[in-house]
């Protein structure tokens, strides 16, 4: 993650917004003697919130992790033949 000091972030905000949207990589904005903040693309933020919500239930988290392991192992995949019109 790239770090930018606040004065530079203020001067280059439009470019930083474009960067996080295009690259989908957050940027840390640091202020002297203050807490840092993270600039993140809205789609990334919404995706992280959705993941947190899905993983907040232990039962749901377990099912999701098992499903991901099955996919990686090639289980439970359905192959549909291509149909020509």
PDB file of N, CA and C in Angstrom:
ATOM      1  N   UNK A   1       0.842  -1.170   0.000  1.00  0.00           N
ATOM      2  CA  UNK A   1       0.000   0.000   0.000  1.00  0.00           C
ATOM      3  C   UNK A   1       0.893   1.241   0.000  1.00  0.00           C
ATOM      4  N   UNK A   2       0.562   2.143  -0.875  1.00  0.00           N
ATOM      5  CA  UNK A   2       1.321   3.386  -0.976  1.00  0.00           C
ATOM      6  C   UNK A   2       0.896   4.340   0.136  1.00  0.00           C
ATOM      7  N   UNK A   3       1.840   5.118   0.628  1.00  0.00           N
ATOM      8  CA  UNK A   3       1.584   6.112   1.674  1.00  0.00           C
ATOM      9  C   UNK A   3       1.854   7.501   1.107  1.00  0.00           C
ATOM     10  N   UNK A   4       0.935   8.421   1.390  1.00  0.00           N
ATOM     11  CA  UNK A   4       1.057   9.795   0.914  1.00  0.00           C
ATOM     12  C   UNK A   4       0.837  10.725   2.098  1.00  0.00           C
ATOM     13  N   UNK A   5       1.684  11.719   2.228  1.00  0.00           N
ATOM     14  CA  UNK A   5       1.502  12.715   3.284  1.00  0.00           C
ATOM     15  C   UNK A   5       0.308  13.606   2.929  1.00  0.00           C
ATOM     16  N   UNK A   6      -0.403  14.098   3.951  1.00  0.00           N
ATOM     17  CA  UNK A   6      -1.629  14.857   3.747  1.00  0.00           C
ATOM     18  C   UNK A   6      -1.484  16.056   2.813  1.00  0.00           C
ATOM     19  N   UNK A   7      -0.460  16.903   2.964  1.00  0.00           N
ATOM     20  CA  UNK A   7      -0.373  18.049   2.047  1.00  0.00           C
ATOM     21  C   UNK A   7      -0.322  17.627   0.575  1.00  0.00           C
ATOM     22  N   UNK A   8       0.429  16.570   0.295  1.00  0.00           N
ATOM     23  CA  UNK A   8       0.506  16.079  -1.084  1.00  0.00           C
ATOM     24  C   UNK A   8      -0.835  15.486  -1.513  1.00  0.00           C
ATOM     25  N   UNK A   9      -1.492  14.760  -0.612  1.00  0.00           N
ATOM     26  CA  UNK A   9      -2.797  14.177  -0.926  1.00  0.00           C
ATOM     27  C   UNK A   9      -3.813  15.274  -1.230  1.00  0.00           C
ATOM     28  N   UNK A  10      -3.783  16.339  -0.463  1.00  0.00           N
ATOM     29  CA  UNK A  10      -4.704  17.458  -0.681  1.00  0.00           C
ATOM     30  C   UNK A  10      -4.466  18.065  -2.061  1.00  0.00           C
ATOM     31  N   UNK A  11      -3.199  18.246  -2.421  1.00  0.00           N
ATOM     32  CA  UNK A  11      -2.859  18.857  -3.708  1.00  0.00           C
ATOM     33  C   UNK A  11      -3.160  17.942  -4.890  1.00  0.00           C
ATOM     34  N   UNK A  12      -3.127  16.640  -4.665  1.00  0.00           N
ATOM     35  CA  UNK A  12      -3.263  15.672  -5.762  1.00  0.00           C
ATOM     36  C   UNK A  12      -4.491  14.779  -5.595  1.00  0.00           C
ATOM     37  N   UNK A  13      -5.524  15.263  -4.913  1.00  0.00           N
ATOM     38  CA  UNK A  13      -6.671  14.413  -4.573  1.00  0.00           C
ATOM     39  C   UNK A  13      -7.332  13.797  -5.799  1.00  0.00           C
ATOM     40  N   UNK A  14      -7.570  14.568  -6.831  1.00  0.00           N
ATOM     41  CA  UNK A  14      -8.228  14.021  -8.026  1.00  0.00           C
ATOM     42  C   UNK A  14      -7.427  12.856  -8.610  1.00  0.00           C
ATOM     43  N   UNK A  15      -6.126  13.017  -8.687  1.00  0.00           N
ATOM     44  CA  UNK A  15      -5.279  11.947  -9.213  1.00  0.00           C
ATOM     45  C   UNK A  15      -5.280  10.723  -8.317  1.00  0.00           C
ATOM     46  N   UNK A  16      -5.291  10.935  -6.998  1.00  0.00           N
ATOM     47  CA  UNK A  16      -5.326   9.805  -6.068  1.00  0.00           C
ATOM     48  C   UNK A  16      -6.650   9.057  -6.175  1.00  0.00           C
ATOM     49  N   UNK A  17      -7.745   9.802  -6.341  1.00  0.00           N
ATOM     50  CA  UNK A  17      -9.052   9.159  -6.522  1.00  0.00           C
ATOM     51  C   UNK A  17      -9.058   8.304  -7.784  1.00  0.00           C
ATOM     52  N   UNK A  18      -8.491   8.835  -8.862  1.00  0.00           N
ATOM     53  CA  UNK A  18      -8.387   8.055 -10.101  1.00  0.00           C
ATOM     54  C   UNK A  18      -7.540   6.808  -9.889  1.00  0.00           C
ATOM     55  N   UNK A  19      -6.447   6.962  -9.163  1.00  0.00           N
ATOM     56  CA  UNK A  19      -5.529   5.836  -8.929  1.00  0.00           C
ATOM     57  C   UNK A  19      -6.199   4.704  -8.158  1.00  0.00           C
ATOM     58  N   UNK A  20      -6.906   5.037  -7.064  1.00  0.00           N
ATOM     59  CA  UNK A  20      -7.537   3.960  -6.285  1.00  0.00           C
ATOM     60  C   UNK A  20      -8.675   3.321  -7.064  1.00  0.00           C
ATOM     61  N   UNK A  21      -9.341   4.083  -7.927  1.00  0.00           N
ATOM     62  CA  UNK A  21     -10.417   3.514  -8.737  1.00  0.00           C
ATOM     63  C   UNK A  21      -9.877   2.601  -9.826  1.00  0.00           C
ATOM     64  N   UNK A  22      -8.807   3.011 -10.466  1.00  0.00           N
ATOM     65  CA  UNK A  22      -8.250   2.224 -11.569  1.00  0.00           C
ATOM     66  C   UNK A  22      -7.480   1.012 -11.076  1.00  0.00           C
ATOM     67  N   UNK A  23      -6.640   1.217 -10.065  1.00  0.00           N
ATOM     68  CA  UNK A  23      -5.761   0.140  -9.598  1.00  0.00           C
ATOM     69  C   UNK A  23      -6.411  -0.733  -8.540  1.00  0.00           C
ATOM     70  N   UNK A  24      -7.498  -0.256  -7.927  1.00  0.00           N
ATOM     71  CA  UNK A  24      -8.198  -0.965  -6.852  1.00  0.00           C
ATOM     72  C   UNK A  24      -7.258  -1.286  -5.693  1.00  0.00           C
ATOM     73  N   UNK A  25      -6.296  -0.374  -5.448  1.00  0.00           N
ATOM     74  CA  UNK A  25      -5.353  -0.519  -4.343  1.00  0.00           C
ATOM     75  C   UNK A  25      -5.505   0.702  -3.435  1.00  0.00           C
ATOM     76  N   UNK A  26      -5.725   0.494  -2.142  1.00  0.00           N
ATOM     77  CA  UNK A  26      -5.898   1.633  -1.238  1.00  0.00           C
ATOM     78  C   UNK A  26      -4.616   2.433  -1.060  1.00  0.00           C
ATOM     79  N   UNK A  27      -4.777   3.677  -0.637  1.00  0.00           N
ATOM     80  CA  UNK A  27      -3.652   4.566  -0.353  1.00  0.00           C
ATOM     81  C   UNK A  27      -3.813   5.093   1.065  1.00  0.00           C
ATOM     82  N   UNK A  28      -2.753   4.999   1.853  1.00  0.00           N
ATOM     83  CA  UNK A  28      -2.764   5.537   3.212  1.00  0.00           C
ATOM     84  C   UNK A  28      -2.416   7.023   3.154  1.00  0.00           C
ATOM     85  N   UNK A  29      -3.223   7.831   3.831  1.00  0.00           N
ATOM     86  CA  UNK A  29      -2.962   9.270   3.921  1.00  0.00           C
ATOM     87  C   UNK A  29      -2.552   9.568   5.359  1.00  0.00           C
ATOM     88  N   UNK A  30      -1.342  10.123   5.497  1.00  0.00           N
ATOM     89  CA  UNK A  30      -0.740  10.326   6.815  1.00  0.00           C
ATOM     90  C   UNK A  30      -0.709  11.819   7.137  1.00  0.00           C
ATOM     91  N   UNK A  31      -1.135  12.147   8.366  1.00  0.00           N
ATOM     92  CA  UNK A  31      -1.030  13.526   8.860  1.00  0.00           C
ATOM     93  C   UNK A  31      -0.072  13.548  10.037  1.00  0.00           C
ATOM     94  N   UNK A  32       0.638  14.636  10.185  1.00  0.00           N
ATOM     95  CA  UNK A  32       1.585  14.773  11.282  1.00  0.00           C
ATOM     96  C   UNK A  32       0.834  14.799  12.616  1.00  0.00           C
ATOM     97  N   UNK A  33       1.237  13.935  13.538  1.00  0.00           N
ATOM     98  CA  UNK A  33       0.689  13.866  14.893  1.00  0.00           C
ATOM     99  C   UNK A  33      -0.812  13.572  14.932  1.00  0.00           C
ATOM    100  N   UNK A  34      -1.333  12.940  13.887  1.00  0.00           N
ATOM    101  CA  UNK A  34      -2.753  12.566  13.828  1.00  0.00           C
ATOM    102  C   UNK A  34      -2.846  11.141  13.283  1.00  0.00           C
ATOM    103  N   UNK A  35      -4.004  10.554  13.467  1.00  0.00           N
ATOM    104  CA  UNK A  35      -4.220   9.207  12.941  1.00  0.00           C
ATOM    105  C   UNK A  35      -4.236   9.231  11.409  1.00  0.00           C
ATOM    106  N   UNK A  36      -3.771   8.152  10.809  1.00  0.00           N
ATOM    107  CA  UNK A  36      -3.803   8.007   9.351  1.00  0.00           C
ATOM    108  C   UNK A  36      -5.195   7.594   8.906  1.00  0.00           C
ATOM    109  N   UNK A  37      -5.459   7.784   7.626  1.00  0.00           N
ATOM    110  CA  UNK A  37      -6.710   7.333   7.007  1.00  0.00           C
ATOM    111  C   UNK A  37      -6.372   6.585   5.734  1.00  0.00           C
ATOM    112  N   UNK A  38      -7.324   5.808   5.273  1.00  0.00           N
ATOM    113  CA  UNK A  38      -7.136   5.020   4.059  1.00  0.00           C
ATOM    114  C   UNK A  38      -8.124   5.494   3.001  1.00  0.00           C
ATOM    115  N   UNK A  39      -7.618   5.768   1.811  1.00  0.00           N
ATOM    116  CA  UNK A  39      -8.446   6.111   0.665  1.00  0.00           C
ATOM    117  C   UNK A  39      -8.635   4.832  -0.136  1.00  0.00           C
ATOM    118  N   UNK A  40      -9.911   4.445  -0.329  1.00  0.00           N
ATOM    119  CA  UNK A  40     -10.205   3.168  -0.980  1.00  0.00           C
ATOM    120  C   UNK A  40     -11.343   3.355  -1.984  1.00  0.00           C
ATOM    121  N   UNK A  41     -11.296   2.615  -3.075  1.00  0.00           N
ATOM    122  CA  UNK A  41     -12.344   2.656  -4.080  1.00  0.00           C
ATOM    123  C   UNK A  41     -13.671   2.177  -3.480  1.00  0.00           C
ATOM    124  N   UNK A  42     -14.766   2.797  -3.865  1.00  0.00           N
ATOM    125  CA  UNK A  42     -16.078   2.460  -3.308  1.00  0.00           C
ATOM    126  C   UNK A  42     -16.448   0.997  -3.559  1.00  0.00           C
ATOM    127  N   UNK A  43     -16.142   0.479  -4.741  1.00  0.00           N
ATOM    128  CA  UNK A  43     -16.461  -0.931  -5.037  1.00  0.00           C
ATOM    129  C   UNK A  43     -15.684  -1.866  -4.123  1.00  0.00           C
ATOM    130  N   UNK A  44     -14.412  -1.535  -3.880  1.00  0.00           N
ATOM    131  CA  UNK A  44     -13.605  -2.344  -2.970  1.00  0.00           C
ATOM    132  C   UNK A  44     -14.176  -2.289  -1.556  1.00  0.00           C
ATOM    133  N   UNK A  45     -14.549  -1.097  -1.126  1.00  0.00           N
ATOM    134  CA  UNK A  45     -15.121  -0.906   0.213  1.00  0.00           C
ATOM    135  C   UNK A  45     -16.401  -1.721   0.374  1.00  0.00           C
ATOM    136  N   UNK A  46     -17.290  -1.621  -0.608  1.00  0.00           N
ATOM    137  CA  UNK A  46     -18.552  -2.372  -0.528  1.00  0.00           C
ATOM    138  C   UNK A  46     -18.294  -3.875  -0.516  1.00  0.00           C
ATOM    139  N   UNK A  47     -17.320  -4.314  -1.310  1.00  0.00           N
ATOM    140  CA  UNK A  47     -16.980  -5.737  -1.338  1.00  0.00           C
ATOM    141  C   UNK A  47     -16.441  -6.219   0.002  1.00  0.00           C
ATOM    142  N   UNK A  48     -15.616  -5.401   0.639  1.00  0.00           N
ATOM    143  CA  UNK A  48     -15.074  -5.778   1.947  1.00  0.00           C
ATOM    144  C   UNK A  48     -16.172  -5.817   3.008  1.00  0.00           C
ATOM    145  N   UNK A  49     -17.103  -4.859   2.950  1.00  0.00           N
ATOM    146  CA  UNK A  49     -18.225  -4.877   3.893  1.00  0.00           C
ATOM    147  C   UNK A  49     -19.080  -6.125   3.700  1.00  0.00           C
ATOM    148  N   UNK A  50     -19.323  -6.481   2.446  1.00  0.00           N
ATOM    149  CA  UNK A  50     -20.114  -7.677   2.158  1.00  0.00           C
ATOM    150  C   UNK A  50     -19.410  -8.929   2.677  1.00  0.00           C
ATOM    151  N   UNK A  51     -18.100  -9.008   2.461  1.00  0.00           N
ATOM    152  CA  UNK A  51     -17.338 -10.153   2.956  1.00  0.00           C
ATOM    153  C   UNK A  51     -17.391 -10.228   4.475  1.00  0.00           C
ATOM    154  N   UNK A  52     -17.223  -9.092   5.136  1.00  0.00           N
ATOM    155  CA  UNK A  52     -17.303  -9.071   6.609  1.00  0.00           C
ATOM    156  C   UNK A  52     -18.663  -9.555   7.096  1.00  0.00           C
ATOM    157  N   UNK A  53     -19.710  -9.091   6.415  1.00  0.00           N
ATOM    158  CA  UNK A  53     -21.056  -9.515   6.822  1.00  0.00           C
ATOM    159  C   UNK A  53     -21.235 -11.016   6.614  1.00  0.00           C
ATOM    160  N   UNK A  54     -20.811 -11.521   5.475  1.00  0.00           N
ATOM    161  CA  UNK A  54     -20.956 -12.954   5.194  1.00  0.00           C
ATOM    162  C   UNK A  54     -20.150 -13.802   6.177  1.00  0.00           C
ATOM    163  N   UNK A  55     -18.969 -13.312   6.555  1.00  0.00           N
ATOM    164  CA  UNK A  55     -18.104 -14.086   7.439  1.00  0.00           C
ATOM    165  C   UNK A  55     -18.419 -13.871   8.921  1.00  0.00           C
ATOM    166  N   UNK A  56     -19.344 -12.964   9.236  1.00  0.00           N
ATOM    167  CA  UNK A  56     -19.646 -12.683  10.643  1.00  0.00           C
ATOM    168  C   UNK A  56     -20.411 -13.815  11.322  1.00  0.00           C
ATOM    169  N   UNK A  57     -21.100 -14.630  10.545  1.00  0.00           N
ATOM    170  CA  UNK A  57     -21.789 -15.794  11.095  1.00  0.00           C
ATOM    171  C   UNK A  57     -20.843 -16.991  11.014  1.00  0.00           C
ATOM    172  N   UNK A  58     -20.512 -17.611  12.154  1.00  0.00           N
ATOM    173  CA  UNK A  58     -19.596 -18.759  12.107  1.00  0.00           C
ATOM    174  C   UNK A  58     -20.096 -19.884  11.199  1.00  0.00           C
ATOM    175  N   UNK A  59     -21.394 -20.137  11.199  1.00  0.00           N
ATOM    176  CA  UNK A  59     -21.947 -21.199  10.355  1.00  0.00           C
ATOM    177  C   UNK A  59     -21.781 -20.845   8.891  1.00  0.00           C
ATOM    178  N   UNK A  60     -22.124 -19.616   8.545  1.00  0.00           N
ATOM    179  CA  UNK A  60     -21.996 -19.173   7.166  1.00  0.00           C
ATOM    180  C   UNK A  60     -20.531 -19.153   6.735  1.00  0.00           C
ATOM    181  N   UNK A  61     -19.653 -18.697   7.604  1.00  0.00           N
ATOM    182  CA  UNK A  61     -18.227 -18.657   7.295  1.00  0.00           C
ATOM    183  C   UNK A  61     -17.699 -20.061   7.012  1.00  0.00           C
ATOM    184  N   UNK A  62     -18.129 -21.022   7.826  1.00  0.00           N
ATOM    185  CA  UNK A  62     -17.686 -22.408   7.636  1.00  0.00           C
ATOM    186  C   UNK A  62     -18.148 -22.930   6.276  1.00  0.00           C
ATOM    187  N   UNK A  63     -19.412 -22.671   5.920  1.00  0.00           N
ATOM    188  CA  UNK A  63     -19.937 -23.122   4.627  1.00  0.00           C
ATOM    189  C   UNK A  63     -19.172 -22.493   3.471  1.00  0.00           C
ATOM    190  N   UNK A  64     -18.907 -21.195   3.583  1.00  0.00           N
ATOM    191  CA  UNK A  64     -18.183 -20.514   2.515  1.00  0.00           C
ATOM    192  C   UNK A  64     -16.770 -21.064   2.358  1.00  0.00           C
ATOM    193  N   UNK A  65     -16.090 -21.294   3.469  1.00  0.00           N
ATOM    194  CA  UNK A  65     -14.732 -21.826   3.404  1.00  0.00           C
ATOM    195  C   UNK A  65     -14.730 -23.234   2.816  1.00  0.00           C
ATOM    196  N   UNK A  66     -15.715 -24.038   3.183  1.00  0.00           N
ATOM    197  CA  UNK A  66     -15.814 -25.389   2.618  1.00  0.00           C
ATOM    198  C   UNK A  66     -16.096 -25.328   1.117  1.00  0.00           C
ATOM    199  N   UNK A  67     -16.973 -24.417   0.707  1.00  0.00           N
ATOM    200  CA  UNK A  67     -17.282 -24.276  -0.715  1.00  0.00           C
ATOM    201  C   UNK A  67     -16.049 -23.834  -1.496  1.00  0.00           C
ATOM    202  N   UNK A  68     -15.280 -22.909  -0.933  1.00  0.00           N
ATOM    203  CA  UNK A  68     -14.063 -22.459  -1.603  1.00  0.00           C
ATOM    204  C   UNK A  68     -13.056 -23.601  -1.720  1.00  0.00           C
ATOM    205  N   UNK A  69     -12.936 -24.413  -0.680  1.00  0.00           N
ATOM    206  CA  UNK A  69     -12.023 -25.560  -0.726  1.00  0.00           C
ATOM    207  C   UNK A  69     -12.493 -26.561  -1.783  1.00  0.00           C
ATOM    208  N   UNK A  70     -13.809 -26.782  -1.872  1.00  0.00           N
ATOM    209  CA  UNK A  70     -14.347 -27.681  -2.890  1.00  0.00           C
ATOM    210  C   UNK A  70     -14.034 -27.177  -4.296  1.00  0.00           C
ATOM    211  N   UNK A  71     -14.194 -25.891  -4.511  1.00  0.00           N
ATOM    212  CA  UNK A  71     -13.907 -25.317  -5.832  1.00  0.00           C
ATOM    213  C   UNK A  71     -12.437 -25.504  -6.176  1.00  0.00           C
ATOM    214  N   UNK A  72     -11.553 -25.230  -5.218  1.00  0.00           N
ATOM    215  CA  UNK A  72     -10.128 -25.400  -5.466  1.00  0.00           C
ATOM    216  C   UNK A  72      -9.769 -26.853  -5.747  1.00  0.00           C
ATOM    217  N   UNK A  73     -10.527 -27.783  -5.151  1.00  0.00           N
ATOM    218  CA  UNK A  73     -10.270 -29.206  -5.361  1.00  0.00           C
ATOM    219  C   UNK A  73     -10.991 -29.744  -6.595  1.00  0.00           C
ATOM    220  N   UNK A  74     -11.760 -28.876  -7.266  1.00  0.00           N
ATOM    221  CA  UNK A  74     -12.473 -29.304  -8.469  1.00  0.00           C
ATOM    222  C   UNK A  74     -13.759 -30.041  -8.185  1.00  0.00           C
ATOM    223  N   UNK A  75     -14.249 -29.966  -6.951  1.00  0.00           N
ATOM    224  CA  UNK A  75     -15.498 -30.637  -6.586  1.00  0.00           C
ATOM    225  C   UNK A  75     -16.684 -29.705  -6.835  1.00  0.00           C
ATOM    226  N   UNK A  76     -17.845 -30.328  -7.002  1.00  0.00           N
ATOM    227  CA  UNK A  76     -19.108 -29.597  -7.126  1.00  0.00           C
ATOM    228  C   UNK A  76     -19.145 -28.628  -8.298  1.00  0.00           C
ATOM    229  N   UNK A  77     -18.350 -28.903  -9.312  1.00  0.00           N
ATOM    230  CA  UNK A  77     -18.388 -28.065 -10.494  1.00  0.00           C
ATOM    231  C   UNK A  77     -19.302 -28.693 -11.522  1.00  0.00           C
ATOM    232  N   UNK A  78     -20.133 -27.884 -12.126  1.00  0.00           N
ATOM    233  CA  UNK A  78     -21.043 -28.383 -13.155  1.00  0.00           C
ATOM    234  C   UNK A  78     -20.551 -27.859 -14.496  1.00  0.00           C
ATOM    235  N   UNK A  79     -20.335 -28.770 -15.424  1.00  0.00           N
ATOM    236  CA  UNK A  79     -19.875 -28.379 -16.757  1.00  0.00           C
ATOM    237  C   UNK A  79     -21.049 -28.500 -17.711  1.00  0.00           C
ATOM    238  N   UNK A  80     -21.369 -27.408 -18.355  1.00  0.00           N
ATOM    239  CA  UNK A  80     -22.456 -27.395 -19.339  1.00  0.00           C
ATOM    240  C   UNK A  80     -21.846 -27.368 -20.740  1.00  0.00           C
ATOM    241  N   UNK A  81     -22.333 -28.249 -21.609  1.00  0.00           N
ATOM    242  CA  UNK A  81     -21.811 -28.214 -22.979  1.00  0.00           C
ATOM    243  C   UNK A  81     -22.273 -26.931 -23.672  1.00  0.00           C
ATOM    244  N   UNK A  82     -21.447 -26.447 -24.575  1.00  0.00           N
ATOM    245  CA  UNK A  82     -21.831 -25.275 -25.340  1.00  0.00           C
ATOM    246  C   UNK A  82     -22.906 -25.685 -26.354  1.00  0.00           C
ATOM    247  N   UNK A  83     -23.894 -24.848 -26.458  1.00  0.00           N
ATOM    248  CA  UNK A  83     -24.976 -25.112 -27.396  1.00  0.00           C
ATOM    249  C   UNK A  83     -24.870 -24.118 -28.536  1.00  0.00           C
ATOM    250  N   UNK A  84     -24.823 -24.644 -29.743  1.00  0.00           N
ATOM    251  CA  UNK A  84     -24.767 -23.752 -30.900  1.00  0.00           C
ATOM    252  C   UNK A  84     -26.171 -23.473 -31.375  1.00  0.00           C
ATOM    253  N   UNK A  85     -26.410 -22.226 -31.737  1.00  0.00           N
ATOM    254  CA  UNK A  85     -27.735 -21.823 -32.253  1.00  0.00           C
ATOM    255  C   UNK A  85     -27.830 -22.073 -33.715  1.00  0.00           C
TER     256      UNK A  85
END
